[in-house]
mmCIF file of all heavy atoms, coordinates in Angstrom:
data_MODEL
# 
_entry.id   MODEL 
# 
loop_
_atom_site.group_PDB 
_atom_site.id 
_atom_site.type_symbol 
_atom_site.label_atom_id 
_atom_site.label_alt_id 
_atom_site.label_comp_id 
_atom_site.label_asym_id 
_atom_site.label_entity_id 
_atom_site.label_seq_id 
_atom_site.pdbx_PDB_ins_code 
_atom_site.Cartn_x 
_atom_site.Cartn_y 
_atom_site.Cartn_z 
_atom_site.occupancy 
_atom_site.B_iso_or_equiv 
_atom_site.pdbx_formal_charge 
_atom_site.auth_seq_id 
_atom_site.auth_comp_id 
_atom_site.auth_asym_id 
_atom_site.auth_atom_id 
_atom_site.pdbx_PDB_model_num 
ATOM 1   N N   . THR A 1 1  ? 0.842  -1.205  0.000  1.00 0.00 ? 1  THR A N   1 
ATOM 2   C CA  . THR A 1 1  ? 0.000  0.000   0.000  1.00 0.00 ? 1  THR A CA  1 
ATOM 3   C C   . THR A 1 1  ? 0.876  1.255   0.000  1.00 0.00 ? 1  THR A C   1 
ATOM 4   O O   . THR A 1 1  ? 0.563  2.229   -0.696 1.00 0.00 ? 1  THR A O   1 
ATOM 5   C CB  . THR A 1 1  ? -0.969 -0.002  1.201  1.00 0.00 ? 1  THR A CB  1 
ATOM 6   O OG1 . THR A 1 1  ? -1.782 -1.174  1.125  1.00 0.00 ? 1  THR A OG1 1 
ATOM 7   C CG2 . THR A 1 1  ? -1.863 1.227   1.202  1.00 0.00 ? 1  THR A CG2 1 
ATOM 8   N N   . ALA A 1 2  ? 1.970  1.228   0.743  1.00 0.00 ? 2  ALA A N   1 
ATOM 9   C CA  . ALA A 1 2  ? 2.887  2.375   0.740  1.00 0.00 ? 2  ALA A CA  1 
ATOM 10  C C   . ALA A 1 2  ? 3.510  2.549   -0.646 1.00 0.00 ? 2  ALA A C   1 
ATOM 11  O O   . ALA A 1 2  ? 3.599  3.673   -1.159 1.00 0.00 ? 2  ALA A O   1 
ATOM 12  C CB  . ALA A 1 2  ? 3.977  2.195   1.793  1.00 0.00 ? 2  ALA A CB  1 
ATOM 13  N N   . THR A 1 3  ? 3.922  1.453   -1.253 1.00 0.00 ? 3  THR A N   1 
ATOM 14  C CA  . THR A 1 3  ? 4.516  1.523   -2.594 1.00 0.00 ? 3  THR A CA  1 
ATOM 15  C C   . THR A 1 3  ? 3.521  2.132   -3.577 1.00 0.00 ? 3  THR A C   1 
ATOM 16  O O   . THR A 1 3  ? 3.876  2.993   -4.380 1.00 0.00 ? 3  THR A O   1 
ATOM 17  C CB  . THR A 1 3  ? 4.946  0.116   -3.065 1.00 0.00 ? 3  THR A CB  1 
ATOM 18  O OG1 . THR A 1 3  ? 5.873  -0.412  -2.110 1.00 0.00 ? 3  THR A OG1 1 
ATOM 19  C CG2 . THR A 1 3  ? 5.599  0.164   -4.433 1.00 0.00 ? 3  THR A CG2 1 
ATOM 20  N N   . ALA A 1 4  ? 2.260  1.695   -3.486 1.00 0.00 ? 4  ALA A N   1 
ATOM 21  C CA  . ALA A 1 4  ? 1.230  2.248   -4.366 1.00 0.00 ? 4  ALA A CA  1 
ATOM 22  C C   . ALA A 1 4  ? 0.996  3.723   -4.067 1.00 0.00 ? 4  ALA A C   1 
ATOM 23  O O   . ALA A 1 4  ? 0.882  4.547   -4.987 1.00 0.00 ? 4  ALA A O   1 
ATOM 24  C CB  . ALA A 1 4  ? -0.069 1.457   -4.215 1.00 0.00 ? 4  ALA A CB  1 
ATOM 25  N N   . TRP A 1 5  ? 0.928  4.079   -2.771 1.00 0.00 ? 5  TRP A N   1 
ATOM 26  C CA  . TRP A 1 5  ? 0.671  5.468   -2.385 1.00 0.00 ? 5  TRP A CA  1 
ATOM 27  C C   . TRP A 1 5  ? 1.774  6.388   -2.910 1.00 0.00 ? 5  TRP A C   1 
ATOM 28  O O   . TRP A 1 5  ? 1.510  7.472   -3.415 1.00 0.00 ? 5  TRP A O   1 
ATOM 29  C CB  . TRP A 1 5  ? 0.560  5.595   -0.864 1.00 0.00 ? 5  TRP A CB  1 
ATOM 30  C CG  . TRP A 1 5  ? 0.359  7.024   -0.460 1.00 0.00 ? 5  TRP A CG  1 
ATOM 31  C CD1 . TRP A 1 5  ? 1.294  7.882   0.028  1.00 0.00 ? 5  TRP A CD1 1 
ATOM 32  C CD2 . TRP A 1 5  ? -0.848 7.776   -0.563 1.00 0.00 ? 5  TRP A CD2 1 
ATOM 33  N NE1 . TRP A 1 5  ? 0.740  9.117   0.245  1.00 0.00 ? 5  TRP A NE1 1 
ATOM 34  C CE2 . TRP A 1 5  ? -0.573 9.082   -0.114 1.00 0.00 ? 5  TRP A CE2 1 
ATOM 35  C CE3 . TRP A 1 5  ? -2.141 7.469   -0.993 1.00 0.00 ? 5  TRP A CE3 1 
ATOM 36  C CZ2 . TRP A 1 5  ? -1.546 10.084  -0.077 1.00 0.00 ? 5  TRP A CZ2 1 
ATOM 37  C CZ3 . TRP A 1 5  ? -3.104 8.470   -0.955 1.00 0.00 ? 5  TRP A CZ3 1 
ATOM 38  C CH2 . TRP A 1 5  ? -2.795 9.754   -0.504 1.00 0.00 ? 5  TRP A CH2 1 
ATOM 39  N N   . TYR A 1 6  ? 3.025  5.927   -2.796 1.00 0.00 ? 6  TYR A N   1 
ATOM 40  C CA  . TYR A 1 6  ? 4.160  6.735   -3.245 1.00 0.00 ? 6  TYR A CA  1 
ATOM 41  C C   . TYR A 1 6  ? 4.423  6.555   -4.745 1.00 0.00 ? 6  TYR A C   1 
ATOM 42  O O   . TYR A 1 6  ? 5.429  7.024   -5.259 1.00 0.00 ? 6  TYR A O   1 
ATOM 43  C CB  . TYR A 1 6  ? 5.420  6.375   -2.451 1.00 0.00 ? 6  TYR A CB  1 
ATOM 44  C CG  . TYR A 1 6  ? 5.342  6.740   -0.983 1.00 0.00 ? 6  TYR A CG  1 
ATOM 45  C CD1 . TYR A 1 6  ? 5.648  5.798   -0.009 1.00 0.00 ? 6  TYR A CD1 1 
ATOM 46  C CD2 . TYR A 1 6  ? 5.007  8.017   -0.565 1.00 0.00 ? 6  TYR A CD2 1 
ATOM 47  C CE1 . TYR A 1 6  ? 5.600  6.117   1.346  1.00 0.00 ? 6  TYR A CE1 1 
ATOM 48  C CE2 . TYR A 1 6  ? 4.955  8.352   0.774  1.00 0.00 ? 6  TYR A CE2 1 
ATOM 49  C CZ  . TYR A 1 6  ? 5.256  7.397   1.732  1.00 0.00 ? 6  TYR A CZ  1 
ATOM 50  O OH  . TYR A 1 6  ? 5.218  7.719   3.057  1.00 0.00 ? 6  TYR A OH  1 
ATOM 51  N N   . ARG A 1 7  ? 3.524  5.830   -5.421 1.00 0.00 ? 7  ARG A N   1 
ATOM 52  C CA  . ARG A 1 7  ? 3.622  5.583   -6.862 1.00 0.00 ? 7  ARG A CA  1 
ATOM 53  C C   . ARG A 1 7  ? 4.976  4.999   -7.248 1.00 0.00 ? 7  ARG A C   1 
ATOM 54  O O   . ARG A 1 7  ? 5.593  5.424   -8.223 1.00 0.00 ? 7  ARG A O   1 
ATOM 55  C CB  . ARG A 1 7  ? 3.328  6.861   -7.641 1.00 0.00 ? 7  ARG A CB  1 
ATOM 56  C CG  . ARG A 1 7  ? 1.881  7.302   -7.490 1.00 0.00 ? 7  ARG A CG  1 
ATOM 57  C CD  . ARG A 1 7  ? 1.614  8.629   -8.169 1.00 0.00 ? 7  ARG A CD  1 
ATOM 58  N NE  . ARG A 1 7  ? 0.218  8.996   -8.159 1.00 0.00 ? 7  ARG A NE  1 
ATOM 59  C CZ  . ARG A 1 7  ? -0.449 9.437   -7.100 1.00 0.00 ? 7  ARG A CZ  1 
ATOM 60  N NH1 . ARG A 1 7  ? 0.147  9.537   -5.932 1.00 0.00 ? 7  ARG A NH1 1 
ATOM 61  N NH2 . ARG A 1 7  ? -1.721 9.776   -7.193 1.00 0.00 ? 7  ARG A NH2 1 
ATOM 62  N N   . GLY A 1 8  ? 5.429  4.040   -6.432 1.00 0.00 ? 8  GLY A N   1 
ATOM 63  C CA  . GLY A 1 8  ? 6.675  3.337   -6.735 1.00 0.00 ? 8  GLY A CA  1 
ATOM 64  C C   . GLY A 1 8  ? 7.935  4.075   -6.311 1.00 0.00 ? 8  GLY A C   1 
ATOM 65  O O   . GLY A 1 8  ? 9.028  3.530   -6.402 1.00 0.00 ? 8  GLY A O   1 
ATOM 66  N N   . ASP A 1 9  ? 7.810  5.315   -5.845 1.00 0.00 ? 9  ASP A N   1 
ATOM 67  C CA  . ASP A 1 9  ? 8.963  6.075   -5.355 1.00 0.00 ? 9  ASP A CA  1 
ATOM 68  C C   . ASP A 1 9  ? 9.325  5.499   -3.982 1.00 0.00 ? 9  ASP A C   1 
ATOM 69  O O   . ASP A 1 9  ? 8.550  5.614   -3.033 1.00 0.00 ? 9  ASP A O   1 
ATOM 70  C CB  . ASP A 1 9  ? 8.586  7.553   -5.242 1.00 0.00 ? 9  ASP A CB  1 
ATOM 71  C CG  . ASP A 1 9  ? 9.713  8.412   -4.710 1.00 0.00 ? 9  ASP A CG  1 
ATOM 72  O OD1 . ASP A 1 9  ? 10.885 8.004   -4.828 1.00 0.00 ? 9  ASP A OD1 1 
ATOM 73  O OD2 . ASP A 1 9  ? 9.420  9.493   -4.166 1.00 0.00 ? 9  ASP A OD2 1 
ATOM 74  N N   . VAL A 1 10 ? 10.471 4.860   -3.899 1.00 0.00 ? 10 VAL A N   1 
ATOM 75  C CA  . VAL A 1 10 ? 10.844 4.175   -2.655 1.00 0.00 ? 10 VAL A CA  1 
ATOM 76  C C   . VAL A 1 10 ? 11.169 5.202   -1.572 1.00 0.00 ? 10 VAL A C   1 
ATOM 77  O O   . VAL A 1 10 ? 12.015 6.071   -1.751 1.00 0.00 ? 10 VAL A O   1 
ATOM 78  C CB  . VAL A 1 10 ? 12.043 3.230   -2.890 1.00 0.00 ? 10 VAL A CB  1 
ATOM 79  C CG1 . VAL A 1 10 ? 12.472 2.578   -1.597 1.00 0.00 ? 10 VAL A CG1 1 
ATOM 80  C CG2 . VAL A 1 10 ? 11.683 2.180   -3.928 1.00 0.00 ? 10 VAL A CG2 1 
ATOM 81  N N   . ARG A 1 11 ? 10.459 5.101   -0.461 1.00 0.00 ? 11 ARG A N   1 
ATOM 82  C CA  . ARG A 1 11 ? 10.707 5.957   0.707  1.00 0.00 ? 11 ARG A CA  1 
ATOM 83  C C   . ARG A 1 11 ? 11.318 5.096   1.799  1.00 0.00 ? 11 ARG A C   1 
ATOM 84  O O   . ARG A 1 11 ? 11.032 3.906   1.883  1.00 0.00 ? 11 ARG A O   1 
ATOM 85  C CB  . ARG A 1 11 ? 9.407  6.563   1.217  1.00 0.00 ? 11 ARG A CB  1 
ATOM 86  C CG  . ARG A 1 11 ? 8.641  7.381   0.205  1.00 0.00 ? 11 ARG A CG  1 
ATOM 87  C CD  . ARG A 1 11 ? 9.339  8.713   -0.092 1.00 0.00 ? 11 ARG A CD  1 
ATOM 88  N NE  . ARG A 1 11 ? 8.689  9.431   -1.159 1.00 0.00 ? 11 ARG A NE  1 
ATOM 89  C CZ  . ARG A 1 11 ? 7.768  10.376  -0.988 1.00 0.00 ? 11 ARG A CZ  1 
ATOM 90  N NH1 . ARG A 1 11 ? 7.364  10.698  0.218  1.00 0.00 ? 11 ARG A NH1 1 
ATOM 91  N NH2 . ARG A 1 11 ? 7.241  10.984  -2.019 1.00 0.00 ? 11 ARG A NH2 1 
ATOM 92  N N   . PRO A 1 12 ? 12.133 5.682   2.660  1.00 0.00 ? 12 PRO A N   1 
ATOM 93  C CA  . PRO A 1 12 ? 12.746 4.868   3.720  1.00 0.00 ? 12 PRO A CA  1 
ATOM 94  C C   . PRO A 1 12 ? 11.706 4.303   4.687  1.00 0.00 ? 12 PRO A C   1 
ATOM 95  O O   . PRO A 1 12 ? 10.686 4.940   4.957  1.00 0.00 ? 12 PRO A O   1 
ATOM 96  C CB  . PRO A 1 12 ? 13.698 5.846   4.423  1.00 0.00 ? 12 PRO A CB  1 
ATOM 97  C CG  . PRO A 1 12 ? 13.182 7.209   4.093  1.00 0.00 ? 12 PRO A CG  1 
ATOM 98  C CD  . PRO A 1 12 ? 12.512 7.096   2.752  1.00 0.00 ? 12 PRO A CD  1 
ATOM 99  N N   . MET A 1 13 ? 11.972 3.102   5.183  1.00 0.00 ? 13 MET A N   1 
ATOM 100 C CA  . MET A 1 13 ? 11.088 2.410   6.122  1.00 0.00 ? 13 MET A CA  1 
ATOM 101 C C   . MET A 1 13 ? 11.974 1.818   7.205  1.00 0.00 ? 13 MET A C   1 
ATOM 102 O O   . MET A 1 13 ? 13.048 1.294   6.911  1.00 0.00 ? 13 MET A O   1 
ATOM 103 C CB  . MET A 1 13 ? 10.319 1.320   5.382  1.00 0.00 ? 13 MET A CB  1 
ATOM 104 C CG  . MET A 1 13 ? 9.413  0.446   6.205  1.00 0.00 ? 13 MET A CG  1 
ATOM 105 S SD  . MET A 1 13 ? 7.760  1.107   6.526  1.00 0.00 ? 13 MET A SD  1 
ATOM 106 C CE  . MET A 1 13 ? 7.030  1.171   4.897  1.00 0.00 ? 13 MET A CE  1 
ATOM 107 N N   . VAL A 1 14 ? 11.527 1.924   8.449  1.00 0.00 ? 14 VAL A N   1 
ATOM 108 C CA  . VAL A 1 14 ? 12.248 1.314   9.571  1.00 0.00 ? 14 VAL A CA  1 
ATOM 109 C C   . VAL A 1 14 ? 11.300 0.412   10.345 1.00 0.00 ? 14 VAL A C   1 
ATOM 110 O O   . VAL A 1 14 ? 10.090 0.628   10.353 1.00 0.00 ? 14 VAL A O   1 
ATOM 111 C CB  . VAL A 1 14 ? 12.856 2.364   10.532 1.00 0.00 ? 14 VAL A CB  1 
ATOM 112 C CG1 . VAL A 1 14 ? 13.955 3.170   9.845  1.00 0.00 ? 14 VAL A CG1 1 
ATOM 113 C CG2 . VAL A 1 14 ? 11.794 3.289   11.112 1.00 0.00 ? 14 VAL A CG2 1 
ATOM 114 N N   . GLN A 1 15 ? 11.873 -0.608  10.977 1.00 0.00 ? 15 GLN A N   1 
ATOM 115 C CA  . GLN A 1 15 ? 11.092 -1.462  11.867 1.00 0.00 ? 15 GLN A CA  1 
ATOM 116 C C   . GLN A 1 15 ? 11.343 -0.998  13.291 1.00 0.00 ? 15 GLN A C   1 
ATOM 117 O O   . GLN A 1 15 ? 12.491 -0.877  13.714 1.00 0.00 ? 15 GLN A O   1 
ATOM 118 C CB  . GLN A 1 15 ? 11.517 -2.925  11.722 1.00 0.00 ? 15 GLN A CB  1 
ATOM 119 C CG  . GLN A 1 15 ? 10.745 -3.840  12.657 1.00 0.00 ? 15 GLN A CG  1 
ATOM 120 C CD  . GLN A 1 15 ? 11.183 -5.292  12.555 1.00 0.00 ? 15 GLN A CD  1 
ATOM 121 O OE1 . GLN A 1 15 ? 12.185 -5.624  11.942 1.00 0.00 ? 15 GLN A OE1 1 
ATOM 122 N NE2 . GLN A 1 15 ? 10.418 -6.173  13.190 1.00 0.00 ? 15 GLN A NE2 1 
ATOM 123 N N   . LEU A 1 16 ? 10.261 -0.740  14.012 1.00 0.00 ? 16 LEU A N   1 
ATOM 124 C CA  . LEU A 1 16 ? 10.380 -0.419  15.432 1.00 0.00 ? 16 LEU A CA  1 
ATOM 125 C C   . LEU A 1 16 ? 10.433 -1.740  16.189 1.00 0.00 ? 16 LEU A C   1 
ATOM 126 O O   . LEU A 1 16 ? 9.455  -2.475  16.246 1.00 0.00 ? 16 LEU A O   1 
ATOM 127 C CB  . LEU A 1 16 ? 9.197  0.431   15.900 1.00 0.00 ? 16 LEU A CB  1 
ATOM 128 C CG  . LEU A 1 16 ? 9.084  0.663   17.415 1.00 0.00 ? 16 LEU A CG  1 
ATOM 129 C CD1 . LEU A 1 16 ? 10.381 1.170   18.023 1.00 0.00 ? 16 LEU A CD1 1 
ATOM 130 C CD2 . LEU A 1 16 ? 7.942  1.616   17.714 1.00 0.00 ? 16 LEU A CD2 1 
ATOM 131 N N   . LEU A 1 17 ? 11.610 -2.052  16.717 1.00 0.00 ? 17 LEU A N   1 
ATOM 132 C CA  . LEU A 1 17 ? 11.802 -3.257  17.520 1.00 0.00 ? 17 LEU A CA  1 
ATOM 133 C C   . LEU A 1 17 ? 11.621 -2.866  18.986 1.00 0.00 ? 17 LEU A C   1 
ATOM 134 O O   . LEU A 1 17 ? 12.189 -1.878  19.447 1.00 0.00 ? 17 LEU A O   1 
ATOM 135 C CB  . LEU A 1 17 ? 13.204 -3.825  17.306 1.00 0.00 ? 17 LEU A CB  1 
ATOM 136 C CG  . LEU A 1 17 ? 13.498 -4.313  15.887 1.00 0.00 ? 17 LEU A CG  1 
ATOM 137 C CD1 . LEU A 1 17 ? 14.985 -4.572  15.708 1.00 0.00 ? 17 LEU A CD1 1 
ATOM 138 C CD2 . LEU A 1 17 ? 12.690 -5.560  15.583 1.00 0.00 ? 17 LEU A CD2 1 
ATOM 139 N N   . TYR A 1 18 ? 10.834 -3.641  19.695 1.00 0.00 ? 18 TYR A N   1 
ATOM 140 C CA  . TYR A 1 18 ? 10.526 -3.335  21.092 1.00 0.00 ? 18 TYR A CA  1 
ATOM 141 C C   . TYR A 1 18 ? 10.729 -4.606  21.926 1.00 0.00 ? 18 TYR A C   1 
ATOM 142 O O   . TYR A 1 18 ? 10.679 -5.720  21.404 1.00 0.00 ? 18 TYR A O   1 
ATOM 143 C CB  . TYR A 1 18 ? 9.096  -2.800  21.224 1.00 0.00 ? 18 TYR A CB  1 
ATOM 144 C CG  . TYR A 1 18 ? 8.056  -3.753  20.692 1.00 0.00 ? 18 TYR A CG  1 
ATOM 145 C CD1 . TYR A 1 18 ? 7.468  -4.704  21.520 1.00 0.00 ? 18 TYR A CD1 1 
ATOM 146 C CD2 . TYR A 1 18 ? 7.696  -3.738  19.349 1.00 0.00 ? 18 TYR A CD2 1 
ATOM 147 C CE1 . TYR A 1 18 ? 6.541  -5.600  21.027 1.00 0.00 ? 18 TYR A CE1 1 
ATOM 148 C CE2 . TYR A 1 18 ? 6.763  -4.634  18.844 1.00 0.00 ? 18 TYR A CE2 1 
ATOM 149 C CZ  . TYR A 1 18 ? 6.197  -5.559  19.691 1.00 0.00 ? 18 TYR A CZ  1 
ATOM 150 O OH  . TYR A 1 18 ? 5.288  -6.447  19.191 1.00 0.00 ? 18 TYR A OH  1 
ATOM 151 N N   . PRO A 1 19 ? 10.960 -4.457  23.233 1.00 0.00 ? 19 PRO A N   1 
ATOM 152 C CA  . PRO A 1 19 ? 11.259 -5.618  24.073 1.00 0.00 ? 19 PRO A CA  1 
ATOM 153 C C   . PRO A 1 19 ? 10.014 -6.400  24.503 1.00 0.00 ? 19 PRO A C   1 
ATOM 154 O O   . PRO A 1 19 ? 8.890  -5.898  24.438 1.00 0.00 ? 19 PRO A O   1 
ATOM 155 C CB  . PRO A 1 19 ? 11.939 -4.994  25.296 1.00 0.00 ? 19 PRO A CB  1 
ATOM 156 C CG  . PRO A 1 19 ? 11.338 -3.631  25.391 1.00 0.00 ? 19 PRO A CG  1 
ATOM 157 C CD  . PRO A 1 19 ? 11.067 -3.198  23.970 1.00 0.00 ? 19 PRO A CD  1 
ATOM 158 N N   . ASP A 1 20 ? 10.258 -7.638  24.961 1.00 0.00 ? 20 ASP A N   1 
ATOM 159 C CA  . ASP A 1 20 ? 9.181  -8.421  25.574 1.00 0.00 ? 20 ASP A CA  1 
ATOM 160 C C   . ASP A 1 20 ? 8.949  -7.896  26.996 1.00 0.00 ? 20 ASP A C   1 
ATOM 161 O O   . ASP A 1 20 ? 9.622  -6.959  27.440 1.00 0.00 ? 20 ASP A O   1 
ATOM 162 C CB  . ASP A 1 20 ? 9.500  -9.929  25.547 1.00 0.00 ? 20 ASP A CB  1 
ATOM 163 C CG  . ASP A 1 20 ? 10.706 -10.321 26.399 1.00 0.00 ? 20 ASP A CG  1 
ATOM 164 O OD1 . ASP A 1 20 ? 11.163 -9.526  27.261 1.00 0.00 ? 20 ASP A OD1 1 
ATOM 165 O OD2 . ASP A 1 20 ? 11.212 -11.437 26.212 1.00 0.00 ? 20 ASP A OD2 1 
ATOM 166 N N   . ARG A 1 21 ? 8.030  -8.497  27.713 1.00 0.00 ? 21 ARG A N   1 
ATOM 167 C CA  . ARG A 1 21 ? 7.682  -7.953  29.035 1.00 0.00 ? 21 ARG A CA  1 
ATOM 168 C C   . ARG A 1 21 ? 8.812  -8.102  30.054 1.00 0.00 ? 21 ARG A C   1 
ATOM 169 O O   . ARG A 1 21 ? 8.775  -7.487  31.105 1.00 0.00 ? 21 ARG A O   1 
ATOM 170 C CB  . ARG A 1 21 ? 6.391  -8.578  29.544 1.00 0.00 ? 21 ARG A CB  1 
ATOM 171 C CG  . ARG A 1 21 ? 6.500  -10.060 29.797 1.00 0.00 ? 21 ARG A CG  1 
ATOM 172 C CD  . ARG A 1 21 ? 5.216  -10.600 30.427 1.00 0.00 ? 21 ARG A CD  1 
ATOM 173 N NE  . ARG A 1 21 ? 5.275  -12.055 30.405 1.00 0.00 ? 21 ARG A NE  1 
ATOM 174 C CZ  . ARG A 1 21 ? 4.335  -12.828 29.931 1.00 0.00 ? 21 ARG A CZ  1 
ATOM 175 N NH1 . ARG A 1 21 ? 3.251  -12.307 29.445 1.00 0.00 ? 21 ARG A NH1 1 
ATOM 176 N NH2 . ARG A 1 21 ? 4.472  -14.122 29.949 1.00 0.00 ? 21 ARG A NH2 1 
ATOM 177 N N   . ASN A 1 22 ? 9.825  -8.931  29.739 1.00 0.00 ? 22 ASN A N   1 
ATOM 178 C CA  . ASN A 1 22 ? 10.988 -9.059  30.625 1.00 0.00 ? 22 ASN A CA  1 
ATOM 179 C C   . ASN A 1 22 ? 12.130 -8.131  30.210 1.00 0.00 ? 22 ASN A C   1 
ATOM 180 O O   . ASN A 1 22 ? 13.202 -8.182  30.805 1.00 0.00 ? 22 ASN A O   1 
ATOM 181 C CB  . ASN A 1 22 ? 11.469 -10.513 30.648 1.00 0.00 ? 22 ASN A CB  1 
ATOM 182 C CG  . ASN A 1 22 ? 10.409 -11.430 31.232 1.00 0.00 ? 22 ASN A CG  1 
ATOM 183 O OD1 . ASN A 1 22 ? 9.824  -11.129 32.270 1.00 0.00 ? 22 ASN A OD1 1 
ATOM 184 N ND2 . ASN A 1 22 ? 10.143 -12.542 30.562 1.00 0.00 ? 22 ASN A ND2 1 
ATOM 185 N N   . GLY A 1 23 ? 11.903 -7.329  29.185 1.00 0.00 ? 23 GLY A N   1 
ATOM 186 C CA  . GLY A 1 23 ? 12.906 -6.353  28.766 1.00 0.00 ? 23 GLY A CA  1 
ATOM 187 C C   . GLY A 1 23 ? 13.894 -6.853  27.728 1.00 0.00 ? 23 GLY A C   1 
ATOM 188 O O   . GLY A 1 23 ? 14.810 -6.122  27.355 1.00 0.00 ? 23 GLY A O   1 
ATOM 189 N N   . PHE A 1 24 ? 13.710 -8.082  27.231 1.00 0.00 ? 24 PHE A N   1 
ATOM 190 C CA  . PHE A 1 24 ? 14.625 -8.611  26.218 1.00 0.00 ? 24 PHE A CA  1 
ATOM 191 C C   . PHE A 1 24 ? 14.168 -8.191  24.822 1.00 0.00 ? 24 PHE A C   1 
ATOM 192 O O   . PHE A 1 24 ? 12.968 -8.214  24.527 1.00 0.00 ? 24 PHE A O   1 
ATOM 193 C CB  . PHE A 1 24 ? 14.703 -10.146 26.279 1.00 0.00 ? 24 PHE A CB  1 
ATOM 194 C CG  . PHE A 1 24 ? 15.433 -10.663 27.477 1.00 0.00 ? 24 PHE A CG  1 
ATOM 195 C CD1 . PHE A 1 24 ? 14.728 -11.193 28.549 1.00 0.00 ? 24 PHE A CD1 1 
ATOM 196 C CD2 . PHE A 1 24 ? 16.822 -10.618 27.537 1.00 0.00 ? 24 PHE A CD2 1 
ATOM 197 C CE1 . PHE A 1 24 ? 15.398 -11.666 29.671 1.00 0.00 ? 24 PHE A CE1 1 
ATOM 198 C CE2 . PHE A 1 24 ? 17.494 -11.100 28.658 1.00 0.00 ? 24 PHE A CE2 1 
ATOM 199 C CZ  . PHE A 1 24 ? 16.788 -11.625 29.726 1.00 0.00 ? 24 PHE A CZ  1 
ATOM 200 N N   . MET A 1 25 ? 15.117 -7.840  23.979 1.00 0.00 ? 25 MET A N   1 
ATOM 201 C CA  . MET A 1 25 ? 14.829 -7.472  22.595 1.00 0.00 ? 25 MET A CA  1 
ATOM 202 C C   . MET A 1 25 ? 14.737 -8.748  21.757 1.00 0.00 ? 25 MET A C   1 
ATOM 203 O O   . MET A 1 25 ? 15.308 -9.778  22.125 1.00 0.00 ? 25 MET A O   1 
ATOM 204 C CB  . MET A 1 25 ? 15.926 -6.546  22.067 1.00 0.00 ? 25 MET A CB  1 
ATOM 205 C CG  . MET A 1 25 ? 15.991 -5.213  22.809 1.00 0.00 ? 25 MET A CG  1 
ATOM 206 S SD  . MET A 1 25 ? 14.519 -4.184  22.580 1.00 0.00 ? 25 MET A SD  1 
ATOM 207 C CE  . MET A 1 25 ? 14.839 -3.491  20.969 1.00 0.00 ? 25 MET A CE  1 
ATOM 208 N N   . PRO A 1 26 ? 14.037 -8.704  20.608 1.00 0.00 ? 26 PRO A N   1 
ATOM 209 C CA  . PRO A 1 26 ? 13.805 -9.920  19.821 1.00 0.00 ? 26 PRO A CA  1 
ATOM 210 C C   . PRO A 1 26 ? 15.070 -10.569 19.264 1.00 0.00 ? 26 PRO A C   1 
ATOM 211 O O   . PRO A 1 26 ? 15.036 -11.722 18.854 1.00 0.00 ? 26 PRO A O   1 
ATOM 212 C CB  . PRO A 1 26 ? 12.879 -9.471  18.692 1.00 0.00 ? 26 PRO A CB  1 
ATOM 213 C CG  . PRO A 1 26 ? 12.916 -8.002  18.693 1.00 0.00 ? 26 PRO A CG  1 
ATOM 214 C CD  . PRO A 1 26 ? 13.353 -7.554  20.052 1.00 0.00 ? 26 PRO A CD  1 
ATOM 215 N N   . TYR A 1 27 ? 16.184 -9.871  19.275 1.00 0.00 ? 27 TYR A N   1 
ATOM 216 C CA  . TYR A 1 27 ? 17.441 -10.441 18.787 1.00 0.00 ? 27 TYR A CA  1 
ATOM 217 C C   . TYR A 1 27 ? 18.324 -10.927 19.938 1.00 0.00 ? 27 TYR A C   1 
ATOM 218 O O   . TYR A 1 27 ? 19.456 -11.349 19.717 1.00 0.00 ? 27 TYR A O   1 
ATOM 219 C CB  . TYR A 1 27 ? 18.194 -9.415  17.923 1.00 0.00 ? 27 TYR A CB  1 
ATOM 220 C CG  . TYR A 1 27 ? 18.254 -8.039  18.551 1.00 0.00 ? 27 TYR A CG  1 
ATOM 221 C CD1 . TYR A 1 27 ? 19.210 -7.728  19.515 1.00 0.00 ? 27 TYR A CD1 1 
ATOM 222 C CD2 . TYR A 1 27 ? 17.328 -7.068  18.194 1.00 0.00 ? 27 TYR A CD2 1 
ATOM 223 C CE1 . TYR A 1 27 ? 19.240 -6.482  20.106 1.00 0.00 ? 27 TYR A CE1 1 
ATOM 224 C CE2 . TYR A 1 27 ? 17.357 -5.812  18.775 1.00 0.00 ? 27 TYR A CE2 1 
ATOM 225 C CZ  . TYR A 1 27 ? 18.318 -5.529  19.730 1.00 0.00 ? 27 TYR A CZ  1 
ATOM 226 O OH  . TYR A 1 27 ? 18.343 -4.282  20.313 1.00 0.00 ? 27 TYR A OH  1 
# 
């Protein structure tokens, strides 16, 4: 949907990584 909205013009995208309830990150 973003690709269609921007008509194929690639815009930067980031993933917001957040911790589990014990404070550990997914990596």
